[in-house]
């Protein structure tokens, strides 16, 4: 999967591309080249959203809802175990922006569970100043006692157990699980 900058496309543009694809005369790759869309997968995603949810969801403004860490872990595990694509996974769980899943995966691989719990966006200026002052002090993790390390490890194990329980519930009844966790 290549890394590319997401361009914002107008509602009319998305609908026109989807309709052109659905006319059946041109495929994802040629449409992407013809209209300057960076990835054929972007067009594929628009088509899948259109087919599953309709034009309203395709053009709906994205909400910047923050998802719980557990949900993010469930999504990543589902993809890994099933081998389902990012776009298909997003459709299955009702995400309109499948690139969020890539972001979650990158954060998880780079920083583990804790990285998934970081708030989105830039900190405010006052937070930056506080972080600068804190960076001069030794990091508290460097000074963790044995007991603190064990408590942290226990918390990670608790998270893992909760995650596995939810994954099992999802695997047994995916539609019921998703309906319950909307």
N, C-alpha and C. Protein backbone atom coordinates (compact mmCIF):
# COMPACT_ATOMS: atom_id res chain seq x y z
N UNK A 1 0.83 -1.16 0.00
CA UNK A 1 0.00 0.00 0.00
C UNK A 1 0.88 1.23 0.00
N UNK A 2 0.76 2.08 -0.98
CA UNK A 2 1.57 3.28 -1.04
C UNK A 2 1.00 4.37 -0.17
N UNK A 3 1.84 5.29 0.21
CA UNK A 3 1.40 6.42 1.01
C UNK A 3 1.19 7.60 0.08
N UNK A 4 0.03 8.24 0.17
CA UNK A 4 -0.23 9.38 -0.69
C UNK A 4 -1.02 10.41 0.09
N UNK A 5 -1.01 11.63 -0.39
CA UNK A 5 -1.74 12.71 0.24
C UNK A 5 -3.18 12.64 -0.23
N UNK A 6 -4.09 12.67 0.72
CA UNK A 6 -5.51 12.61 0.38
C UNK A 6 -5.97 13.98 -0.12
N UNK A 7 -6.45 14.02 -1.33
CA UNK A 7 -7.01 15.24 -1.87
C UNK A 7 -8.49 15.27 -1.52
N UNK A 8 -9.03 16.45 -1.35
CA UNK A 8 -10.46 16.56 -1.11
C UNK A 8 -11.16 16.69 -2.44
N UNK A 9 -12.16 15.88 -2.64
CA UNK A 9 -12.91 15.89 -3.89
C UNK A 9 -14.32 16.39 -3.62
N UNK A 10 -14.87 17.12 -4.56
CA UNK A 10 -16.22 17.66 -4.39
C UNK A 10 -17.24 16.53 -4.44
N UNK A 11 -18.39 16.82 -3.87
CA UNK A 11 -19.49 15.85 -3.87
C UNK A 11 -19.88 15.48 -5.30
N UNK A 12 -19.97 16.50 -6.14
CA UNK A 12 -20.39 16.27 -7.52
C UNK A 12 -19.37 15.40 -8.26
N UNK A 13 -18.10 15.64 -7.98
CA UNK A 13 -17.03 14.88 -8.62
C UNK A 13 -17.14 13.40 -8.25
N UNK A 14 -17.31 13.11 -6.96
CA UNK A 14 -17.43 11.73 -6.51
C UNK A 14 -18.61 11.02 -7.17
N UNK A 15 -19.75 11.70 -7.17
CA UNK A 15 -20.96 11.10 -7.75
C UNK A 15 -20.76 10.86 -9.25
N UNK A 16 -20.14 11.80 -9.94
CA UNK A 16 -19.91 11.65 -11.38
C UNK A 16 -18.98 10.46 -11.66
N UNK A 17 -17.94 10.32 -10.86
CA UNK A 17 -17.00 9.20 -11.04
C UNK A 17 -17.72 7.87 -10.80
N UNK A 18 -18.49 7.80 -9.73
CA UNK A 18 -19.21 6.56 -9.40
C UNK A 18 -20.18 6.20 -10.52
N UNK A 19 -20.91 7.17 -10.99
CA UNK A 19 -21.88 6.91 -12.06
C UNK A 19 -21.18 6.49 -13.35
N UNK A 20 -20.04 7.10 -13.62
CA UNK A 20 -19.29 6.72 -14.81
C UNK A 20 -18.82 5.26 -14.68
N UNK A 21 -18.38 4.88 -13.50
CA UNK A 21 -17.96 3.49 -13.29
C UNK A 21 -19.14 2.54 -13.44
N UNK A 22 -20.27 2.91 -12.85
CA UNK A 22 -21.45 2.04 -12.88
C UNK A 22 -22.05 1.92 -14.29
N UNK A 23 -21.73 2.87 -15.17
CA UNK A 23 -22.16 2.73 -16.56
C UNK A 23 -21.50 1.53 -17.22
N UNK A 24 -20.40 1.07 -16.64
CA UNK A 24 -19.77 -0.15 -17.10
C UNK A 24 -18.81 -0.02 -18.26
N UNK A 25 -18.46 1.18 -18.64
CA UNK A 25 -17.59 1.35 -19.80
C UNK A 25 -16.11 1.50 -19.44
N UNK A 26 -15.82 1.74 -18.16
CA UNK A 26 -14.44 2.02 -17.77
C UNK A 26 -14.20 1.52 -16.35
N UNK A 27 -13.00 0.99 -16.11
CA UNK A 27 -12.66 0.42 -14.81
C UNK A 27 -12.03 1.43 -13.87
N UNK A 28 -11.72 0.96 -12.66
CA UNK A 28 -11.15 1.82 -11.61
C UNK A 28 -9.84 2.49 -12.06
N UNK A 29 -8.93 1.71 -12.60
CA UNK A 29 -7.61 2.25 -12.96
C UNK A 29 -7.72 3.34 -14.02
N UNK A 30 -8.49 3.06 -15.06
CA UNK A 30 -8.63 4.05 -16.13
C UNK A 30 -9.37 5.30 -15.66
N UNK A 31 -10.35 5.11 -14.80
CA UNK A 31 -11.05 6.27 -14.24
C UNK A 31 -10.08 7.14 -13.42
N UNK A 32 -9.25 6.49 -12.63
CA UNK A 32 -8.29 7.23 -11.81
C UNK A 32 -7.35 8.05 -12.70
N UNK A 33 -6.84 7.42 -13.75
CA UNK A 33 -5.95 8.14 -14.68
C UNK A 33 -6.68 9.28 -15.38
N UNK A 34 -7.86 8.98 -15.87
CA UNK A 34 -8.64 9.94 -16.65
C UNK A 34 -8.95 11.21 -15.84
N UNK A 35 -9.27 11.02 -14.55
CA UNK A 35 -9.73 12.15 -13.74
C UNK A 35 -8.70 12.64 -12.72
N UNK A 36 -7.49 12.06 -12.75
CA UNK A 36 -6.43 12.54 -11.86
C UNK A 36 -6.61 12.16 -10.40
N UNK A 37 -7.31 11.05 -10.15
CA UNK A 37 -7.45 10.55 -8.78
C UNK A 37 -6.22 9.72 -8.49
N UNK A 38 -5.59 9.96 -7.34
CA UNK A 38 -4.30 9.34 -7.04
C UNK A 38 -4.34 7.81 -6.96
N UNK A 39 -5.49 7.25 -6.59
CA UNK A 39 -5.55 5.81 -6.38
C UNK A 39 -6.86 5.22 -6.90
N UNK A 40 -6.74 4.09 -7.57
CA UNK A 40 -7.96 3.39 -8.03
C UNK A 40 -8.75 2.89 -6.81
N UNK A 41 -8.05 2.66 -5.70
CA UNK A 41 -8.73 2.19 -4.49
C UNK A 41 -9.68 3.25 -3.95
N UNK A 42 -9.35 4.51 -4.12
CA UNK A 42 -10.24 5.59 -3.70
C UNK A 42 -11.56 5.51 -4.45
N UNK A 43 -11.46 5.27 -5.75
CA UNK A 43 -12.68 5.16 -6.57
C UNK A 43 -13.46 3.91 -6.17
N UNK A 44 -12.75 2.82 -5.95
CA UNK A 44 -13.40 1.58 -5.53
C UNK A 44 -14.17 1.80 -4.23
N UNK A 45 -13.56 2.53 -3.32
CA UNK A 45 -14.21 2.83 -2.04
C UNK A 45 -15.48 3.65 -2.24
N UNK A 46 -15.41 4.68 -3.10
CA UNK A 46 -16.59 5.49 -3.37
C UNK A 46 -17.71 4.64 -3.95
N UNK A 47 -17.37 3.74 -4.87
CA UNK A 47 -18.37 2.88 -5.50
C UNK A 47 -19.01 1.97 -4.45
N UNK A 48 -18.20 1.39 -3.58
CA UNK A 48 -18.73 0.50 -2.56
C UNK A 48 -19.65 1.24 -1.58
N UNK A 49 -19.26 2.45 -1.19
CA UNK A 49 -20.10 3.25 -0.29
C UNK A 49 -21.42 3.58 -1.00
N UNK A 50 -21.34 3.97 -2.24
CA UNK A 50 -22.54 4.31 -3.01
C UNK A 50 -23.47 3.09 -3.11
N UNK A 51 -22.89 1.93 -3.41
CA UNK A 51 -23.71 0.74 -3.58
C UNK A 51 -24.32 0.27 -2.26
N UNK A 52 -23.61 0.42 -1.18
CA UNK A 52 -24.11 -0.06 0.11
C UNK A 52 -25.02 0.94 0.80
N UNK A 53 -24.68 2.24 0.74
CA UNK A 53 -25.41 3.24 1.51
C UNK A 53 -26.17 4.27 0.68
N UNK A 54 -25.82 4.40 -0.60
CA UNK A 54 -26.49 5.37 -1.44
C UNK A 54 -25.71 6.67 -1.58
N UNK A 55 -26.25 7.56 -2.41
CA UNK A 55 -25.57 8.80 -2.73
C UNK A 55 -25.46 9.71 -1.49
N UNK A 56 -26.43 9.65 -0.59
CA UNK A 56 -26.41 10.52 0.59
C UNK A 56 -25.16 10.29 1.43
N UNK A 57 -24.80 9.04 1.62
CA UNK A 57 -23.63 8.73 2.44
C UNK A 57 -22.33 9.02 1.70
N UNK A 58 -22.35 8.90 0.39
CA UNK A 58 -21.15 9.19 -0.39
C UNK A 58 -20.77 10.66 -0.26
N UNK A 59 -21.75 11.54 -0.25
CA UNK A 59 -21.48 12.97 -0.22
C UNK A 59 -21.57 13.56 1.19
N UNK A 60 -21.93 12.76 2.15
CA UNK A 60 -22.06 13.23 3.52
C UNK A 60 -20.70 13.69 4.05
N UNK A 61 -20.72 14.80 4.75
CA UNK A 61 -19.49 15.30 5.36
C UNK A 61 -19.05 14.33 6.44
N UNK A 62 -17.77 14.08 6.48
CA UNK A 62 -17.23 13.15 7.47
C UNK A 62 -17.28 13.79 8.84
N UNK A 63 -17.74 12.99 9.82
CA UNK A 63 -17.64 13.50 11.19
C UNK A 63 -16.31 13.03 11.77
N UNK A 64 -15.76 13.83 12.59
CA UNK A 64 -14.47 13.49 13.16
C UNK A 64 -14.64 12.78 14.50
N UNK A 65 -15.52 11.81 14.51
CA UNK A 65 -15.79 11.06 15.71
C UNK A 65 -14.52 10.31 16.14
N UNK A 66 -14.28 10.34 17.43
CA UNK A 66 -13.13 9.64 17.97
C UNK A 66 -13.61 8.28 18.45
N UNK A 67 -12.97 7.24 18.00
CA UNK A 67 -13.38 5.89 18.34
C UNK A 67 -12.57 5.37 19.53
N UNK A 68 -13.19 4.54 20.37
CA UNK A 68 -12.47 3.99 21.52
C UNK A 68 -11.33 3.07 21.07
N UNK A 69 -10.32 2.98 21.91
CA UNK A 69 -9.15 2.14 21.62
C UNK A 69 -9.59 0.71 21.33
N UNK A 70 -10.51 0.20 22.12
CA UNK A 70 -10.96 -1.18 21.95
C UNK A 70 -11.55 -1.40 20.57
N UNK A 71 -12.32 -0.44 20.10
CA UNK A 71 -12.92 -0.54 18.78
C UNK A 71 -11.83 -0.60 17.71
N UNK A 72 -10.83 0.26 17.85
CA UNK A 72 -9.72 0.29 16.88
C UNK A 72 -9.00 -1.06 16.87
N UNK A 73 -8.76 -1.62 18.05
CA UNK A 73 -8.09 -2.93 18.14
C UNK A 73 -8.94 -4.02 17.49
N UNK A 74 -10.25 -3.95 17.72
CA UNK A 74 -11.15 -4.93 17.11
C UNK A 74 -11.08 -4.87 15.58
N UNK A 75 -11.07 -3.68 15.07
CA UNK A 75 -11.03 -3.49 13.62
C UNK A 75 -9.73 -4.04 13.04
N UNK A 76 -8.61 -3.70 13.68
CA UNK A 76 -7.30 -4.17 13.19
C UNK A 76 -7.20 -5.70 13.26
N UNK A 77 -7.71 -6.26 14.34
CA UNK A 77 -7.67 -7.71 14.48
C UNK A 77 -8.56 -8.39 13.44
N UNK A 78 -9.73 -7.83 13.22
CA UNK A 78 -10.64 -8.37 12.22
C UNK A 78 -9.97 -8.43 10.85
N UNK A 79 -9.30 -7.34 10.49
CA UNK A 79 -8.61 -7.29 9.19
C UNK A 79 -7.50 -8.33 9.12
N UNK A 80 -6.74 -8.43 10.20
CA UNK A 80 -5.61 -9.37 10.19
C UNK A 80 -6.08 -10.81 10.09
N UNK A 81 -7.11 -11.14 10.84
CA UNK A 81 -7.57 -12.53 10.87
C UNK A 81 -8.32 -12.94 9.61
N UNK A 82 -9.05 -12.02 9.04
CA UNK A 82 -9.88 -12.37 7.88
C UNK A 82 -9.20 -12.09 6.56
N UNK A 83 -8.21 -11.18 6.57
CA UNK A 83 -7.55 -10.80 5.33
C UNK A 83 -8.39 -9.88 4.46
N UNK A 84 -9.45 -9.33 5.03
CA UNK A 84 -10.34 -8.44 4.30
C UNK A 84 -9.64 -7.10 4.10
N UNK A 85 -9.88 -6.47 2.97
CA UNK A 85 -9.23 -5.19 2.66
C UNK A 85 -9.70 -4.09 3.60
N UNK A 86 -8.95 -3.01 3.59
CA UNK A 86 -9.27 -1.84 4.40
C UNK A 86 -10.64 -1.28 4.01
N UNK A 87 -10.89 -1.19 2.71
CA UNK A 87 -12.16 -0.63 2.23
C UNK A 87 -13.34 -1.51 2.63
N UNK A 88 -13.18 -2.81 2.46
CA UNK A 88 -14.25 -3.75 2.82
C UNK A 88 -14.52 -3.70 4.33
N UNK A 89 -13.45 -3.63 5.11
CA UNK A 89 -13.61 -3.55 6.56
C UNK A 89 -14.37 -2.29 6.94
N UNK A 90 -13.99 -1.17 6.34
CA UNK A 90 -14.67 0.09 6.63
C UNK A 90 -16.16 -0.01 6.31
N UNK A 91 -16.48 -0.63 5.19
CA UNK A 91 -17.89 -0.80 4.83
C UNK A 91 -18.61 -1.70 5.82
N UNK A 92 -17.95 -2.78 6.24
CA UNK A 92 -18.57 -3.72 7.16
C UNK A 92 -18.92 -3.06 8.49
N UNK A 93 -18.07 -2.16 8.96
CA UNK A 93 -18.30 -1.56 10.28
C UNK A 93 -18.91 -0.18 10.21
N UNK A 94 -19.16 0.30 8.99
CA UNK A 94 -19.85 1.58 8.85
C UNK A 94 -18.95 2.80 8.86
N UNK A 95 -17.66 2.64 8.63
CA UNK A 95 -16.76 3.79 8.53
C UNK A 95 -16.81 4.33 7.11
N UNK A 96 -16.90 5.63 6.96
CA UNK A 96 -16.92 6.21 5.63
C UNK A 96 -15.52 6.57 5.16
N UNK A 97 -14.54 6.53 6.06
CA UNK A 97 -13.18 6.93 5.74
C UNK A 97 -12.23 5.78 6.08
N UNK A 98 -11.94 4.96 5.10
CA UNK A 98 -11.11 3.78 5.37
C UNK A 98 -9.66 4.14 5.66
N UNK A 99 -9.25 5.36 5.32
CA UNK A 99 -7.86 5.75 5.60
C UNK A 99 -7.60 5.85 7.10
N UNK A 100 -8.68 6.01 7.89
CA UNK A 100 -8.51 6.01 9.35
C UNK A 100 -7.92 4.69 9.81
N UNK A 101 -8.33 3.61 9.18
CA UNK A 101 -7.84 2.28 9.57
C UNK A 101 -6.34 2.20 9.34
N UNK A 102 -5.86 2.75 8.23
CA UNK A 102 -4.42 2.78 7.98
C UNK A 102 -3.69 3.57 9.05
N UNK A 103 -4.28 4.67 9.44
CA UNK A 103 -3.69 5.51 10.49
C UNK A 103 -3.62 4.73 11.81
N UNK A 104 -4.69 4.03 12.14
CA UNK A 104 -4.71 3.23 13.37
C UNK A 104 -3.64 2.15 13.34
N UNK A 105 -3.52 1.50 12.18
CA UNK A 105 -2.54 0.43 12.05
C UNK A 105 -1.12 0.97 12.22
N UNK A 106 -0.85 2.09 11.60
CA UNK A 106 0.48 2.71 11.70
C UNK A 106 0.78 3.09 13.14
N UNK A 107 -0.17 3.72 13.80
CA UNK A 107 0.02 4.11 15.20
C UNK A 107 0.27 2.89 16.07
N UNK A 108 -0.52 1.84 15.85
CA UNK A 108 -0.38 0.63 16.66
C UNK A 108 0.99 -0.01 16.45
N UNK A 109 1.43 -0.10 15.20
CA UNK A 109 2.72 -0.72 14.92
C UNK A 109 3.88 0.10 15.48
N UNK A 110 3.72 1.42 15.48
CA UNK A 110 4.79 2.29 15.97
C UNK A 110 4.81 2.43 17.48
N UNK A 111 3.61 2.46 18.11
CA UNK A 111 3.58 2.77 19.54
C UNK A 111 2.70 1.88 20.39
N UNK A 112 2.16 0.81 19.80
CA UNK A 112 1.34 -0.10 20.58
C UNK A 112 -0.02 0.47 20.93
N UNK A 113 -0.65 -0.14 21.94
CA UNK A 113 -2.01 0.22 22.34
C UNK A 113 -2.08 1.68 22.78
N UNK A 114 -1.05 2.13 23.50
CA UNK A 114 -1.07 3.51 24.01
C UNK A 114 -1.15 4.52 22.87
N UNK A 115 -0.52 4.24 21.75
CA UNK A 115 -0.53 5.17 20.62
C UNK A 115 -1.94 5.33 20.04
N UNK A 116 -2.76 4.29 20.15
CA UNK A 116 -4.13 4.37 19.65
C UNK A 116 -5.00 5.26 20.52
N UNK A 117 -4.56 5.52 21.73
CA UNK A 117 -5.35 6.30 22.67
C UNK A 117 -5.01 7.78 22.65
N UNK A 118 -4.10 8.18 21.79
CA UNK A 118 -3.72 9.59 21.72
C UNK A 118 -4.80 10.38 21.00
N UNK A 119 -5.12 11.57 21.50
CA UNK A 119 -6.14 12.38 20.84
C UNK A 119 -5.67 12.85 19.46
N UNK A 120 -6.66 13.09 18.58
CA UNK A 120 -6.34 13.53 17.23
C UNK A 120 -6.00 15.00 17.24
N UNK A 121 -5.29 15.41 16.22
CA UNK A 121 -5.01 16.82 16.01
C UNK A 121 -3.80 17.31 16.79
N UNK A 122 -3.53 18.57 16.61
CA UNK A 122 -2.40 19.19 17.27
C UNK A 122 -2.82 19.68 18.64
N UNK A 123 -1.89 19.63 19.60
CA UNK A 123 -2.22 20.19 20.91
C UNK A 123 -2.30 21.72 20.80
N UNK A 124 -3.03 22.33 21.74
CA UNK A 124 -3.10 23.78 21.75
C UNK A 124 -1.74 24.35 22.09
N UNK A 125 -1.57 25.63 21.85
CA UNK A 125 -0.28 26.27 22.11
C UNK A 125 0.14 26.10 23.56
N UNK A 126 -0.80 26.23 24.48
CA UNK A 126 -0.44 26.10 25.89
C UNK A 126 0.06 24.69 26.19
N UNK A 127 -0.54 23.70 25.54
CA UNK A 127 -0.09 22.32 25.73
C UNK A 127 1.32 22.13 25.18
N UNK A 128 1.62 22.80 24.05
CA UNK A 128 2.96 22.69 23.48
C UNK A 128 3.98 23.24 24.46
N UNK A 129 3.65 24.37 25.06
CA UNK A 129 4.58 24.97 26.03
C UNK A 129 4.77 24.04 27.22
N UNK A 130 3.68 23.43 27.69
CA UNK A 130 3.79 22.49 28.81
C UNK A 130 4.63 21.29 28.42
N UNK A 131 4.40 20.77 27.22
CA UNK A 131 5.17 19.61 26.76
C UNK A 131 6.65 19.95 26.64
N UNK A 132 6.95 21.18 26.21
CA UNK A 132 8.35 21.59 26.09
C UNK A 132 9.01 21.59 27.47
N UNK A 133 8.32 22.12 28.48
CA UNK A 133 8.86 22.13 29.84
C UNK A 133 9.03 20.72 30.36
N UNK A 134 8.04 19.87 30.10
CA UNK A 134 8.12 18.48 30.57
C UNK A 134 9.26 17.72 29.91
N UNK A 135 9.55 18.05 28.66
CA UNK A 135 10.58 17.30 27.94
C UNK A 135 11.96 17.51 28.56
N UNK A 136 12.14 18.59 29.30
CA UNK A 136 13.42 18.83 29.96
C UNK A 136 13.57 17.96 31.20
N UNK A 137 12.44 17.54 31.75
CA UNK A 137 12.47 16.67 32.92
C UNK A 137 12.56 15.22 32.46
N UNK A 138 13.13 14.33 33.30
CA UNK A 138 13.16 12.92 32.90
C UNK A 138 11.74 12.36 32.76
N UNK A 139 11.58 11.54 31.78
CA UNK A 139 10.26 10.94 31.53
C UNK A 139 9.87 10.03 32.69
N UNK A 140 8.59 10.10 33.12
CA UNK A 140 8.17 9.27 34.26
C UNK A 140 8.32 7.77 33.98
N UNK A 141 8.22 7.37 32.72
CA UNK A 141 8.34 5.95 32.40
C UNK A 141 9.76 5.46 32.67
N UNK A 142 10.75 6.36 32.57
CA UNK A 142 12.13 5.97 32.84
C UNK A 142 12.34 5.68 34.31
N UNK A 143 11.49 6.28 35.15
CA UNK A 143 11.65 6.14 36.59
C UNK A 143 10.60 5.23 37.21
N UNK A 144 9.95 4.39 36.42
CA UNK A 144 8.89 3.53 36.94
C UNK A 144 9.46 2.50 37.90
N UNK A 145 8.74 2.33 38.99
CA UNK A 145 9.15 1.30 39.95
C UNK A 145 8.71 -0.05 39.40
N UNK A 146 9.20 -1.08 40.03
CA UNK A 146 8.82 -2.44 39.62
C UNK A 146 7.32 -2.62 39.74
N UNK A 147 6.76 -2.08 40.82
CA UNK A 147 5.32 -2.19 41.05
C UNK A 147 4.53 -1.47 39.95
N UNK A 148 4.98 -0.28 39.55
CA UNK A 148 4.31 0.47 38.49
C UNK A 148 4.38 -0.28 37.17
N UNK A 149 5.53 -0.89 36.90
CA UNK A 149 5.68 -1.66 35.67
C UNK A 149 4.72 -2.85 35.66
N UNK A 150 4.60 -3.52 36.82
CA UNK A 150 3.68 -4.67 36.91
C UNK A 150 2.24 -4.22 36.76
N UNK A 151 1.89 -3.08 37.36
CA UNK A 151 0.54 -2.56 37.22
C UNK A 151 0.23 -2.23 35.76
N UNK A 152 1.19 -1.64 35.09
CA UNK A 152 1.02 -1.32 33.67
C UNK A 152 0.85 -2.59 32.85
N UNK A 153 1.66 -3.58 33.13
CA UNK A 153 1.57 -4.86 32.43
C UNK A 153 0.21 -5.51 32.67
N UNK A 154 -0.26 -5.46 33.93
CA UNK A 154 -1.59 -6.01 34.25
C UNK A 154 -2.68 -5.30 33.47
N UNK A 155 -2.58 -3.98 33.36
CA UNK A 155 -3.57 -3.22 32.62
C UNK A 155 -3.58 -3.62 31.15
N UNK A 156 -2.39 -3.82 30.59
CA UNK A 156 -2.32 -4.27 29.19
C UNK A 156 -2.94 -5.65 29.02
N UNK A 157 -2.72 -6.53 29.99
CA UNK A 157 -3.33 -7.86 29.93
C UNK A 157 -4.85 -7.75 30.04
N UNK A 158 -5.33 -6.87 30.92
CA UNK A 158 -6.78 -6.67 31.04
C UNK A 158 -7.36 -6.17 29.71
N UNK A 159 -6.66 -5.24 29.09
CA UNK A 159 -7.11 -4.75 27.79
C UNK A 159 -7.16 -5.87 26.76
N UNK A 160 -6.14 -6.70 26.78
CA UNK A 160 -6.08 -7.80 25.82
C UNK A 160 -7.23 -8.78 26.04
N UNK A 161 -7.54 -9.10 27.31
CA UNK A 161 -8.63 -10.02 27.61
C UNK A 161 -9.96 -9.42 27.15
N UNK A 162 -10.17 -8.13 27.43
CA UNK A 162 -11.39 -7.47 26.99
C UNK A 162 -11.50 -7.48 25.47
N UNK A 163 -10.38 -7.23 24.85
CA UNK A 163 -10.32 -7.23 23.39
C UNK A 163 -10.71 -8.60 22.85
N UNK A 164 -10.14 -9.66 23.43
CA UNK A 164 -10.43 -11.01 22.95
C UNK A 164 -11.89 -11.38 23.17
N UNK A 165 -12.48 -10.91 24.28
CA UNK A 165 -13.90 -11.17 24.53
C UNK A 165 -14.75 -10.50 23.45
N UNK A 166 -14.41 -9.25 23.14
CA UNK A 166 -15.19 -8.54 22.14
C UNK A 166 -14.99 -9.13 20.75
N UNK A 167 -13.78 -9.56 20.48
CA UNK A 167 -13.51 -10.19 19.19
C UNK A 167 -14.33 -11.47 19.04
N UNK A 168 -14.39 -12.25 20.12
CA UNK A 168 -15.17 -13.49 20.08
C UNK A 168 -16.65 -13.18 19.84
N UNK A 169 -17.16 -12.15 20.54
CA UNK A 169 -18.55 -11.75 20.35
C UNK A 169 -18.79 -11.30 18.91
N UNK A 170 -17.84 -10.57 18.36
CA UNK A 170 -17.95 -10.10 16.97
C UNK A 170 -17.94 -11.27 16.00
N UNK A 171 -17.05 -12.24 16.24
CA UNK A 171 -16.95 -13.38 15.33
C UNK A 171 -18.20 -14.24 15.38
N UNK A 172 -18.82 -14.33 16.55
CA UNK A 172 -20.02 -15.16 16.68
C UNK A 172 -21.23 -14.51 16.00
N UNK A 173 -21.33 -13.17 16.09
CA UNK A 173 -22.48 -12.47 15.52
C UNK A 173 -22.04 -11.07 15.08
N UNK A 174 -21.37 -10.96 13.92
CA UNK A 174 -20.85 -9.66 13.49
C UNK A 174 -21.91 -8.57 13.38
N UNK A 175 -23.04 -8.89 12.80
CA UNK A 175 -24.07 -7.87 12.60
C UNK A 175 -24.66 -7.43 13.93
N UNK A 176 -24.92 -8.37 14.82
CA UNK A 176 -25.45 -8.03 16.14
C UNK A 176 -24.47 -7.18 16.94
N UNK A 177 -23.20 -7.54 16.84
CA UNK A 177 -22.15 -6.80 17.57
C UNK A 177 -22.08 -5.37 17.06
N UNK A 178 -22.08 -5.20 15.74
CA UNK A 178 -21.97 -3.85 15.18
C UNK A 178 -23.21 -3.03 15.51
N UNK A 179 -24.38 -3.65 15.48
CA UNK A 179 -25.62 -2.95 15.82
C UNK A 179 -25.57 -2.47 17.27
N UNK A 180 -25.07 -3.31 18.15
CA UNK A 180 -24.99 -2.98 19.58
C UNK A 180 -23.99 -1.87 19.85
N UNK A 181 -22.93 -1.77 19.03
CA UNK A 181 -21.85 -0.82 19.29
C UNK A 181 -21.88 0.39 18.36
N UNK A 182 -23.04 0.76 17.85
CA UNK A 182 -23.13 1.93 16.96
C UNK A 182 -22.99 3.19 17.77
